[in-house]
Every structure is written in C-alpha cells, then in structure tokens.
Amino acid sequence: MDSWIERHVKLPVTALKEVGWIGHVLYGIWILYPFVVDCVIHPEDGVGLAYLMQGLDVPSYIAPRSLVFASFVMVVILIGLSAVQCIVLAGVYKKFGRIFSTWLWATVLVGIIGNILWYAGTGFFDRLGAVVGMTPLLFMIAAQVIMERWCKKWIFGDGYLPVPGE
C-alpha cells in the first residue's frame, strides 16, 4: 500500500516530469484559476483587461450591462477552464498509467506561494484575495474526484485494476 507521502508528494513529482508538456499545461491552468475567479467576483477587472488588451485606456465608469456581460463571460471561461483541466488531467493519468493525487501541488505552487508573492509584492494581505488564490485547490479536488470516481474506466479501459491504496 502506498504511503501518504508517496501518493501526494513523490508520485505527482515523478508523473508530472514524465508526462512532459502536458504537466506544464496543468501548471498553467492552476495559475489561471485565481485570475479568472477574481474576474468573476470583480467583473470590472475583466472589462478593464479587455480594454487594455485592445490598447485602450480603461474608463473610470463602466456601464452595468457591460459588467453583467463580463460576469457571464467569465463564468463561461471558468467552466471551460475546468473542463480543459479535466481533459488535461485525464491525459496526464493516461500517459503516466496511474491515478495520483495533485491537489497538494496545486495548493503549494499557486495557493501558498502565489499568496506569499502577492503579500511580498504589495505589502497587503487581503483575506478574499487569499481565498481566491486558493481556488486551484478547490478545482483540483473537484477534477480529481471526477477522474477517480467516474472516469477510471474511460481513461484506462475495462481491464484497469486500481492500485492498492486508491
């Protein structure tokens, strides 16, 4: 039977090294989550980003209907990002040939280190911002539960026998 350290620390490091670029896509998704969730909570940030990407100045007043539309778009993006994460995670599991835990690394790499960097850079600790920074943990747990409970047969086929400890 695998130990906790094996399943949550060693196996993910080994697997994410072996799968190559797919692991980097997963890291990118983890980094995107806090930004997308922030734009869902504060749609004016998403509208401002759209203005900046077009090379325009961000207006001081944003129409309410623009904010509602931005909220809708960001929720759709969040749902799409979650779907892409499930597909990428399935690819990682398939390429590595085994299901392993990834929530700890999502928490450490983005949630904890990201929040520390934010605090170091701004000198300000924001409780809501810290919660937003921990969203990769929530979405990673959800994706992992989906993969472990419902998608093993889809990922590995009919002959998959779970590894002891799963």
Protein backbone atom coordinates (compact mmCIF):
# COMPACT_ATOMS: atom_id res chain seq x y z
CA MET A 1 0.00 0.00 0.00
CA ASP A 2 1.27 3.48 -0.87
CA SER A 3 2.14 5.82 1.93
CA TRP A 4 0.64 9.31 2.11
CA ILE A 5 4.00 10.86 1.17
CA GLU A 6 4.29 8.54 -1.84
CA ARG A 7 0.80 9.31 -3.17
CA HIS A 8 0.73 13.06 -2.53
CA VAL A 9 4.36 14.16 -2.88
CA LYS A 10 6.66 11.71 -4.71
CA LEU A 11 4.27 10.25 -7.28
CA PRO A 12 3.00 13.62 -8.62
CA VAL A 13 6.55 14.96 -8.99
CA THR A 14 7.63 11.84 -10.88
CA ALA A 15 4.49 11.77 -13.01
CA LEU A 16 4.50 15.45 -13.95
CA LYS A 17 8.15 15.14 -15.01
CA GLU A 18 7.46 12.06 -17.12
CA VAL A 19 4.41 13.43 -18.96
CA GLY A 20 6.36 16.41 -20.31
CA TRP A 21 4.48 19.37 -21.76
CA ILE A 22 1.07 18.14 -20.51
CA GLY A 23 2.28 18.75 -16.96
CA HIS A 24 3.18 22.34 -17.89
CA VAL A 25 -0.31 22.87 -19.30
CA LEU A 26 -1.71 21.70 -15.96
CA TYR A 27 0.54 24.20 -14.13
CA GLY A 28 -0.70 26.95 -16.44
CA ILE A 29 -4.31 26.09 -15.69
CA TRP A 30 -3.59 26.26 -11.96
CA ILE A 31 -2.05 29.71 -12.42
CA LEU A 32 -5.02 30.96 -14.47
CA TYR A 33 -7.69 29.96 -11.93
CA PRO A 34 -7.17 32.80 -9.41
CA PHE A 35 -7.28 35.41 -12.20
CA VAL A 36 -10.48 34.03 -13.70
CA VAL A 37 -12.17 33.69 -10.29
CA ASP A 38 -11.15 37.27 -9.46
CA CYS A 39 -12.77 38.46 -12.70
CA VAL A 40 -15.96 36.57 -11.77
CA ILE A 41 -16.02 38.30 -8.37
CA HIS A 42 -14.92 41.69 -9.76
CA PRO A 43 -16.17 41.87 -13.38
CA GLU A 44 -14.74 45.38 -13.74
CA ASP A 45 -11.28 43.77 -13.71
CA GLY A 46 -12.28 41.64 -16.71
CA VAL A 47 -13.68 44.64 -18.57
CA GLY A 48 -10.54 46.63 -17.76
CA LEU A 49 -8.38 43.78 -19.05
CA ALA A 50 -10.39 43.72 -22.29
CA TYR A 51 -9.77 47.46 -22.73
CA LEU A 52 -6.05 47.07 -22.03
CA MET A 53 -5.73 44.16 -24.49
CA GLN A 54 -7.24 46.40 -27.17
CA GLY A 55 -4.73 49.14 -26.38
CA LEU A 56 -7.40 51.46 -24.97
CA ASP A 57 -7.50 53.41 -21.74
CA VAL A 58 -9.70 51.88 -19.03
CA PRO A 59 -12.68 54.20 -18.48
CA SER A 60 -13.48 55.41 -14.98
CA TYR A 61 -17.14 54.40 -15.46
CA ILE A 62 -18.23 51.02 -16.79
CA ALA A 63 -21.88 50.52 -17.74
CA PRO A 64 -23.81 48.00 -15.62
CA ARG A 65 -24.75 45.94 -18.67
CA SER A 66 -21.03 45.61 -19.52
CA LEU A 67 -20.41 44.30 -16.01
CA VAL A 68 -23.25 41.76 -16.29
CA PHE A 69 -21.96 40.59 -19.66
CA ALA A 70 -18.39 40.39 -18.29
CA SER A 71 -19.63 38.29 -15.36
CA PHE A 72 -21.39 35.91 -17.74
CA VAL A 73 -18.34 35.63 -19.98
CA MET A 74 -16.03 34.97 -17.03
CA VAL A 75 -18.33 32.23 -15.66
CA VAL A 76 -18.30 30.60 -19.11
CA ILE A 77 -14.50 30.87 -19.18
CA LEU A 78 -14.30 29.35 -15.69
CA ILE A 79 -16.48 26.41 -16.75
CA GLY A 80 -14.38 25.97 -19.90
CA LEU A 81 -11.14 26.14 -17.91
CA SER A 82 -12.49 23.47 -15.55
CA ALA A 83 -13.41 21.23 -18.50
CA VAL A 84 -9.95 21.70 -20.02
CA GLN A 85 -8.40 20.85 -16.65
CA CYS A 86 -10.36 17.59 -16.50
CA ILE A 87 -9.26 16.69 -20.03
CA VAL A 88 -5.61 17.56 -19.31
CA LEU A 89 -5.70 15.63 -16.03
CA ALA A 90 -7.14 12.63 -17.87
CA GLY A 91 -4.28 12.94 -20.36
CA VAL A 92 -1.73 13.06 -17.54
CA TYR A 93 -3.24 9.99 -15.90
CA LYS A 94 -3.40 8.12 -19.22
CA LYS A 95 0.18 8.96 -20.19
CA PHE A 96 1.53 8.09 -16.72
CA GLY A 97 -0.66 4.98 -16.48
CA ARG A 98 -1.83 5.60 -12.96
CA ILE A 99 -4.03 7.92 -10.95
CA PHE A 100 -2.24 10.00 -8.32
CA SER A 101 -3.06 12.97 -6.12
CA THR A 102 -2.40 16.50 -7.41
CA TRP A 103 -4.31 18.73 -5.01
CA LEU A 104 -1.32 19.22 -2.70
CA TRP A 105 0.85 20.60 -5.51
CA ALA A 106 -1.94 22.89 -6.74
CA THR A 107 -2.19 24.24 -3.20
CA VAL A 108 1.54 24.68 -2.64
CA LEU A 109 2.53 26.04 -6.07
CA VAL A 110 -0.30 28.51 -6.60
CA GLY A 111 -2.25 28.87 -3.39
CA ILE A 112 0.55 29.27 -0.88
CA ILE A 113 3.47 30.55 -2.98
CA GLY A 114 1.17 32.81 -5.02
CA ASN A 115 -0.35 34.35 -1.89
CA ILE A 116 3.11 34.86 -0.34
CA LEU A 117 4.35 36.57 -3.53
CA TRP A 118 1.24 38.78 -3.59
CA TYR A 119 1.83 39.82 0.02
CA ALA A 120 5.55 40.39 -0.59
CA GLY A 121 4.86 42.46 -3.70
CA THR A 122 2.03 44.60 -2.34
CA GLY A 123 2.65 44.54 1.40
CA PHE A 124 -1.07 43.99 1.83
CA PHE A 125 -2.86 40.84 2.98
CA ASP A 126 -6.36 40.55 1.57
CA ARG A 127 -8.49 37.74 3.03
CA LEU A 128 -10.74 37.49 -0.03
CA GLY A 129 -7.66 37.58 -2.26
CA ALA A 130 -6.11 34.75 -0.25
CA VAL A 131 -9.26 32.69 -0.73
CA VAL A 132 -9.22 33.45 -4.46
CA GLY A 133 -5.56 32.40 -4.52
CA MET A 134 -6.55 29.03 -3.08
CA THR A 135 -9.11 28.29 -5.84
CA PRO A 136 -6.75 25.91 -7.69
CA LEU A 137 -7.08 23.66 -4.64
CA LEU A 138 -10.88 23.60 -4.88
CA PHE A 139 -10.99 23.00 -8.62
CA MET A 140 -8.19 20.41 -8.46
CA ILE A 141 -10.06 18.44 -5.79
CA ALA A 142 -13.23 18.55 -7.90
CA ALA A 143 -11.39 17.41 -11.04
CA GLN A 144 -9.61 14.67 -9.16
CA VAL A 145 -12.84 13.36 -7.62
CA ILE A 146 -14.43 13.29 -11.08
CA MET A 147 -11.46 11.43 -12.54
CA GLU A 148 -11.06 8.94 -9.68
CA ARG A 149 -14.72 8.15 -9.24
CA TRP A 150 -16.22 8.23 -12.70
CA CYS A 151 -13.52 8.26 -15.35
CA LYS A 152 -11.11 5.42 -14.49
CA LYS A 153 -12.79 3.08 -16.95
CA TRP A 154 -12.89 5.79 -19.63
CA ILE A 155 -9.20 6.66 -19.13
CA PHE A 156 -7.70 3.20 -18.68
CA GLY A 157 -10.25 0.87 -20.28
CA ASP A 158 -12.08 -2.16 -18.92
CA GLY A 159 -9.02 -4.01 -17.65
CA TYR A 160 -7.93 -1.36 -15.14
CA LEU A 161 -7.27 -2.69 -11.67
CA PRO A 162 -6.87 0.00 -9.03
CA VAL A 163 -3.51 0.30 -7.33
CA PRO A 164 -3.74 -0.64 -3.64
CA GLY A 165 -4.42 2.46 -1.57
CA GLU A 166 -6.59 4.19 -4.20
